[in-house]
């Protein structure tokens, strides 16, 4: 028995949604870890890295919840959440690029931003 086109589209949509949620989870972990490694009483540069890490972790976590839970958000609300996450991830990646040792965190943030962009492209 083969799946109908609408079933295949639904499966693809759910797979894409899960992939984006997974990227958000990985980014939230990486950013929370990055923030925890920075001295809260450090230099202004360190404080910026810490704040961006915390903010990115919180936004990615919220986005993952929106994507993972059965909710009644309309497509536009999901799109707004994805755009917010994408934007925060790119900002965080830029800050992490300037901080020695944070390259892996920057990479994970960019991957999450790309996953958000990819999933937004599937929304009609």
N, C-alpha and C. Protein backbone atom coordinates (compact mmCIF):
# COMPACT_ATOMS: atom_id res chain seq x y z
N UNK A 1 0.85 -1.19 0.00
CA UNK A 1 0.00 0.00 0.00
C UNK A 1 0.89 1.25 0.00
N UNK A 2 0.63 2.13 -0.90
CA UNK A 2 1.43 3.35 -0.98
C UNK A 2 0.68 4.52 -0.36
N UNK A 3 1.44 5.45 0.14
CA UNK A 3 0.84 6.63 0.75
C UNK A 3 0.35 7.57 -0.34
N UNK A 4 -0.73 8.23 -0.07
CA UNK A 4 -1.22 9.22 -1.03
C UNK A 4 -0.31 10.43 -0.98
N UNK A 5 -0.47 11.29 -1.97
CA UNK A 5 0.35 12.50 -2.02
C UNK A 5 0.17 13.32 -0.75
N UNK A 6 -1.06 13.48 -0.29
CA UNK A 6 -1.28 14.28 0.91
C UNK A 6 -0.66 13.62 2.14
N UNK A 7 -0.68 12.30 2.20
CA UNK A 7 -0.02 11.61 3.32
C UNK A 7 1.49 11.81 3.26
N UNK A 8 2.06 11.70 2.08
CA UNK A 8 3.51 11.92 1.92
C UNK A 8 3.87 13.35 2.31
N UNK A 9 3.04 14.30 1.88
CA UNK A 9 3.30 15.70 2.24
C UNK A 9 3.23 15.90 3.74
N UNK A 10 2.25 15.26 4.38
CA UNK A 10 2.12 15.35 5.83
C UNK A 10 3.34 14.74 6.51
N UNK A 11 3.77 13.57 6.05
CA UNK A 11 4.95 12.93 6.63
C UNK A 11 6.18 13.82 6.46
N UNK A 12 6.35 14.40 5.28
CA UNK A 12 7.49 15.28 5.03
C UNK A 12 7.43 16.50 5.93
N UNK A 13 6.24 17.08 6.06
CA UNK A 13 6.05 18.23 6.93
C UNK A 13 6.45 17.88 8.37
N UNK A 14 5.99 16.73 8.86
CA UNK A 14 6.30 16.32 10.23
C UNK A 14 7.79 16.04 10.40
N UNK A 15 8.41 15.44 9.39
CA UNK A 15 9.86 15.19 9.45
C UNK A 15 10.63 16.50 9.48
N UNK A 16 10.23 17.45 8.65
CA UNK A 16 10.89 18.76 8.61
C UNK A 16 10.70 19.50 9.93
N UNK A 17 9.51 19.41 10.47
CA UNK A 17 9.20 20.06 11.76
C UNK A 17 10.06 19.45 12.87
N UNK A 18 10.18 18.12 12.87
CA UNK A 18 11.00 17.44 13.86
C UNK A 18 12.47 17.82 13.70
N UNK A 19 12.96 17.88 12.47
CA UNK A 19 14.36 18.25 12.23
C UNK A 19 14.65 19.65 12.76
N UNK A 20 13.73 20.56 12.56
CA UNK A 20 13.90 21.93 13.06
C UNK A 20 13.89 21.93 14.59
N UNK A 21 12.95 21.20 15.19
CA UNK A 21 12.89 21.11 16.65
C UNK A 21 14.18 20.51 17.21
N UNK A 22 14.71 19.51 16.54
CA UNK A 22 15.96 18.88 16.98
C UNK A 22 17.12 19.88 16.91
N UNK A 23 17.19 20.65 15.84
CA UNK A 23 18.25 21.66 15.71
C UNK A 23 18.11 22.71 16.81
N UNK A 24 16.88 23.08 17.13
CA UNK A 24 16.66 24.06 18.21
C UNK A 24 17.11 23.49 19.55
N UNK A 25 16.84 22.22 19.79
CA UNK A 25 17.27 21.58 21.04
C UNK A 25 18.79 21.57 21.15
N UNK A 26 19.45 21.20 20.07
CA UNK A 26 20.92 21.16 20.08
C UNK A 26 21.50 22.55 20.29
N UNK A 27 20.89 23.55 19.67
CA UNK A 27 21.37 24.92 19.83
C UNK A 27 21.15 25.40 21.26
N UNK A 28 19.99 25.10 21.82
CA UNK A 28 19.71 25.51 23.20
C UNK A 28 20.75 24.92 24.16
N UNK A 29 21.09 23.66 23.96
CA UNK A 29 22.11 23.02 24.81
C UNK A 29 23.47 23.69 24.65
N UNK A 30 23.87 23.90 23.40
CA UNK A 30 25.19 24.49 23.13
C UNK A 30 25.27 25.91 23.70
N UNK A 31 24.21 26.66 23.56
CA UNK A 31 24.23 28.05 24.04
C UNK A 31 24.19 28.11 25.57
N UNK A 32 23.42 27.24 26.18
CA UNK A 32 23.39 27.19 27.64
C UNK A 32 24.76 26.80 28.18
N UNK A 33 25.39 25.84 27.53
CA UNK A 33 26.73 25.44 27.94
C UNK A 33 27.72 26.59 27.76
N UNK A 34 27.66 27.26 26.62
CA UNK A 34 28.56 28.39 26.36
C UNK A 34 28.37 29.45 27.44
N UNK A 35 27.13 29.78 27.77
CA UNK A 35 26.85 30.79 28.78
C UNK A 35 27.37 30.38 30.15
N UNK A 36 27.28 29.09 30.45
CA UNK A 36 27.73 28.62 31.77
C UNK A 36 29.24 28.63 31.91
N UNK A 37 29.95 28.62 30.79
CA UNK A 37 31.41 28.60 30.82
C UNK A 37 32.03 29.99 30.96
N UNK A 38 31.19 31.01 30.84
CA UNK A 38 31.68 32.39 30.88
C UNK A 38 31.51 32.94 32.29
N UNK A 39 32.54 33.60 32.77
CA UNK A 39 32.50 34.23 34.09
C UNK A 39 31.49 35.38 34.06
N UNK A 40 30.44 35.30 34.92
CA UNK A 40 29.44 36.37 34.92
C UNK A 40 29.98 37.73 35.34
N UNK A 41 31.12 37.74 36.00
CA UNK A 41 31.73 39.00 36.42
C UNK A 41 32.94 39.34 35.56
N UNK A 42 32.96 38.81 34.34
CA UNK A 42 34.10 39.02 33.46
C UNK A 42 34.05 40.33 32.72
N UNK A 43 34.77 40.36 31.63
CA UNK A 43 34.86 41.56 30.79
C UNK A 43 33.53 41.83 30.11
N UNK A 44 33.36 43.03 29.57
CA UNK A 44 32.13 43.31 28.80
C UNK A 44 31.92 42.32 27.64
N UNK A 45 33.02 41.91 27.01
CA UNK A 45 32.93 40.93 25.93
C UNK A 45 32.39 39.60 26.46
N UNK A 46 32.90 39.17 27.61
CA UNK A 46 32.43 37.93 28.21
C UNK A 46 30.96 38.04 28.61
N UNK A 47 30.57 39.18 29.14
CA UNK A 47 29.17 39.38 29.54
C UNK A 47 28.25 39.33 28.33
N UNK A 48 28.69 39.88 27.19
CA UNK A 48 27.89 39.82 25.97
C UNK A 48 27.72 38.37 25.51
N UNK A 49 28.79 37.61 25.53
CA UNK A 49 28.72 36.20 25.15
C UNK A 49 27.77 35.45 26.07
N UNK A 50 27.86 35.72 27.35
CA UNK A 50 26.98 35.06 28.32
C UNK A 50 25.52 35.43 28.08
N UNK A 51 25.23 36.71 27.91
CA UNK A 51 23.85 37.15 27.67
C UNK A 51 23.28 36.58 26.38
N UNK A 52 24.09 36.59 25.32
CA UNK A 52 23.63 36.04 24.04
C UNK A 52 23.39 34.54 24.16
N UNK A 53 24.26 33.86 24.88
CA UNK A 53 24.09 32.42 25.08
C UNK A 53 22.81 32.11 25.82
N UNK A 54 22.53 32.86 26.87
CA UNK A 54 21.30 32.65 27.64
C UNK A 54 20.07 32.95 26.78
N UNK A 55 20.10 34.08 26.09
CA UNK A 55 18.96 34.46 25.27
C UNK A 55 18.71 33.43 24.17
N UNK A 56 19.76 33.01 23.51
CA UNK A 56 19.61 32.05 22.42
C UNK A 56 19.07 30.72 22.96
N UNK A 57 19.57 30.28 24.10
CA UNK A 57 19.08 29.04 24.69
C UNK A 57 17.59 29.14 25.00
N UNK A 58 17.17 30.26 25.54
CA UNK A 58 15.75 30.44 25.89
C UNK A 58 14.86 30.49 24.64
N UNK A 59 15.29 31.21 23.62
CA UNK A 59 14.50 31.31 22.39
C UNK A 59 14.44 29.96 21.67
N UNK A 60 15.56 29.27 21.61
CA UNK A 60 15.57 27.96 20.95
C UNK A 60 14.71 26.96 21.72
N UNK A 61 14.76 27.02 23.04
CA UNK A 61 13.94 26.13 23.85
C UNK A 61 12.46 26.42 23.60
N UNK A 62 12.08 27.68 23.58
CA UNK A 62 10.68 28.05 23.32
C UNK A 62 10.24 27.60 21.92
N UNK A 63 11.13 27.75 20.96
CA UNK A 63 10.81 27.35 19.59
C UNK A 63 10.63 25.84 19.50
N UNK A 64 11.50 25.12 20.17
CA UNK A 64 11.38 23.66 20.19
C UNK A 64 10.04 23.24 20.80
N UNK A 65 9.64 23.90 21.87
CA UNK A 65 8.34 23.58 22.49
C UNK A 65 7.19 23.85 21.52
N UNK A 66 7.25 24.97 20.82
CA UNK A 66 6.19 25.29 19.84
C UNK A 66 6.13 24.21 18.77
N UNK A 67 7.28 23.75 18.32
CA UNK A 67 7.32 22.76 17.24
C UNK A 67 7.00 21.35 17.72
N UNK A 68 7.29 21.05 18.97
CA UNK A 68 7.15 19.69 19.48
C UNK A 68 5.78 19.39 20.08
N UNK A 69 5.16 20.38 20.63
CA UNK A 69 3.90 20.15 21.33
C UNK A 69 2.73 20.28 20.37
N UNK A 70 1.69 19.55 20.70
CA UNK A 70 0.45 19.71 19.95
C UNK A 70 -0.13 21.04 20.40
N UNK A 71 -0.13 21.99 19.54
CA UNK A 71 -0.63 23.31 19.92
C UNK A 71 -1.61 23.80 18.86
N UNK A 72 -2.23 24.86 19.16
CA UNK A 72 -3.23 25.40 18.26
C UNK A 72 -2.79 26.72 17.65
N UNK A 73 -1.48 26.86 17.50
CA UNK A 73 -0.96 28.07 16.86
C UNK A 73 -1.21 28.00 15.37
N UNK A 74 -1.56 29.12 14.81
CA UNK A 74 -1.73 29.15 13.37
C UNK A 74 -0.35 29.22 12.71
N UNK A 75 -0.36 29.03 11.41
CA UNK A 75 0.90 28.99 10.66
C UNK A 75 1.69 30.29 10.79
N UNK A 76 0.99 31.42 10.82
CA UNK A 76 1.68 32.71 10.92
C UNK A 76 2.39 32.84 12.27
N UNK A 77 1.78 32.36 13.33
CA UNK A 77 2.41 32.40 14.66
C UNK A 77 3.66 31.52 14.69
N UNK A 78 3.58 30.38 14.06
CA UNK A 78 4.75 29.49 13.99
C UNK A 78 5.85 30.17 13.18
N UNK A 79 5.47 30.79 12.08
CA UNK A 79 6.45 31.50 11.23
C UNK A 79 7.16 32.62 12.02
N UNK A 80 6.39 33.37 12.80
CA UNK A 80 6.97 34.45 13.62
C UNK A 80 7.96 33.86 14.62
N UNK A 81 7.60 32.76 15.27
CA UNK A 81 8.50 32.12 16.23
C UNK A 81 9.78 31.64 15.55
N UNK A 82 9.63 31.03 14.38
CA UNK A 82 10.79 30.55 13.63
C UNK A 82 11.70 31.70 13.20
N UNK A 83 11.11 32.79 12.76
CA UNK A 83 11.91 33.95 12.34
C UNK A 83 12.65 34.54 13.52
N UNK A 84 12.00 34.62 14.67
CA UNK A 84 12.65 35.12 15.89
C UNK A 84 13.83 34.23 16.25
N UNK A 85 13.61 32.93 16.23
CA UNK A 85 14.68 31.99 16.55
C UNK A 85 15.84 32.13 15.56
N UNK A 86 15.52 32.19 14.28
CA UNK A 86 16.56 32.32 13.25
C UNK A 86 17.39 33.57 13.48
N UNK A 87 16.72 34.66 13.75
CA UNK A 87 17.39 35.94 13.96
C UNK A 87 18.30 35.91 15.19
N UNK A 88 17.78 35.39 16.30
CA UNK A 88 18.58 35.31 17.53
C UNK A 88 19.78 34.38 17.34
N UNK A 89 19.57 33.28 16.65
CA UNK A 89 20.68 32.35 16.40
C UNK A 89 21.79 33.00 15.57
N UNK A 90 21.40 33.75 14.55
CA UNK A 90 22.41 34.41 13.72
C UNK A 90 23.15 35.49 14.50
N UNK A 91 22.43 36.25 15.32
CA UNK A 91 23.08 37.26 16.18
C UNK A 91 24.06 36.59 17.14
N UNK A 92 23.63 35.49 17.74
CA UNK A 92 24.48 34.78 18.69
C UNK A 92 25.71 34.22 18.00
N UNK A 93 25.51 33.65 16.83
CA UNK A 93 26.66 33.10 16.08
C UNK A 93 27.68 34.20 15.80
N UNK A 94 27.21 35.37 15.44
CA UNK A 94 28.11 36.49 15.16
C UNK A 94 28.91 36.86 16.41
N UNK A 95 28.24 36.92 17.56
CA UNK A 95 28.95 37.24 18.81
C UNK A 95 29.94 36.13 19.15
N UNK A 96 29.52 34.87 19.00
CA UNK A 96 30.40 33.75 19.33
C UNK A 96 31.62 33.70 18.41
N UNK A 97 31.45 34.15 17.16
CA UNK A 97 32.59 34.19 16.23
C UNK A 97 33.72 35.06 16.77
N UNK A 98 33.37 36.07 17.54
CA UNK A 98 34.36 37.02 18.06
C UNK A 98 35.01 36.55 19.36
N UNK A 99 34.53 35.44 19.90
CA UNK A 99 34.99 34.97 21.21
C UNK A 99 35.78 33.68 21.04
N UNK A 100 37.07 33.69 21.41
CA UNK A 100 37.90 32.49 21.25
C UNK A 100 37.30 31.29 21.99
N UNK A 101 37.25 30.17 21.29
CA UNK A 101 36.74 28.94 21.89
C UNK A 101 35.26 28.71 21.69
N UNK A 102 34.58 29.67 21.08
CA UNK A 102 33.13 29.54 20.92
C UNK A 102 32.73 29.18 19.49
N UNK A 103 33.67 28.73 18.70
CA UNK A 103 33.40 28.43 17.30
C UNK A 103 32.35 27.34 17.13
N UNK A 104 32.41 26.31 17.98
CA UNK A 104 31.43 25.22 17.87
C UNK A 104 30.03 25.73 18.17
N UNK A 105 29.91 26.60 19.15
CA UNK A 105 28.60 27.18 19.47
C UNK A 105 28.08 28.00 18.31
N UNK A 106 28.95 28.77 17.68
CA UNK A 106 28.55 29.57 16.52
C UNK A 106 28.05 28.67 15.39
N UNK A 107 28.72 27.56 15.18
CA UNK A 107 28.33 26.62 14.13
C UNK A 107 26.95 26.03 14.40
N UNK A 108 26.69 25.63 15.64
CA UNK A 108 25.40 25.06 16.01
C UNK A 108 24.29 26.10 15.85
N UNK A 109 24.59 27.35 16.20
CA UNK A 109 23.61 28.42 16.02
C UNK A 109 23.27 28.61 14.54
N UNK A 110 24.27 28.58 13.68
CA UNK A 110 24.02 28.74 12.25
C UNK A 110 23.21 27.56 11.69
N UNK A 111 23.50 26.37 12.18
CA UNK A 111 22.74 25.20 11.75
C UNK A 111 21.28 25.31 12.17
N UNK A 112 21.04 25.82 13.36
CA UNK A 112 19.67 26.01 13.83
C UNK A 112 18.97 27.08 12.99
N UNK A 113 19.67 28.17 12.72
CA UNK A 113 19.09 29.23 11.88
C UNK A 113 18.72 28.67 10.50
N UNK A 114 19.56 27.84 9.95
CA UNK A 114 19.28 27.23 8.64
C UNK A 114 18.08 26.30 8.72
N UNK A 115 18.00 25.52 9.80
CA UNK A 115 16.86 24.61 9.98
C UNK A 115 15.56 25.41 10.09
N UNK A 116 15.60 26.53 10.78
CA UNK A 116 14.41 27.39 10.87
C UNK A 116 14.03 27.93 9.49
N UNK A 117 15.02 28.38 8.74
CA UNK A 117 14.76 28.89 7.39
C UNK A 117 14.18 27.79 6.50
N UNK A 118 14.76 26.60 6.59
CA UNK A 118 14.29 25.49 5.78
C UNK A 118 12.84 25.13 6.12
N UNK A 119 12.53 25.10 7.40
CA UNK A 119 11.17 24.76 7.79
C UNK A 119 10.19 25.87 7.40
N UNK A 120 10.59 27.12 7.54
CA UNK A 120 9.72 28.23 7.13
C UNK A 120 9.39 28.10 5.64
N UNK A 121 10.33 27.62 4.85
CA UNK A 121 10.09 27.48 3.41
C UNK A 121 9.02 26.44 3.11
N UNK A 122 8.78 25.51 4.03
CA UNK A 122 7.75 24.50 3.80
C UNK A 122 6.37 25.01 4.18
N UNK A 123 6.30 26.10 4.95
CA UNK A 123 5.01 26.65 5.33
C UNK A 123 4.43 27.43 4.17
N UNK A 124 3.21 27.21 3.88
CA UNK A 124 2.57 27.85 2.72
C UNK A 124 1.85 29.11 3.13
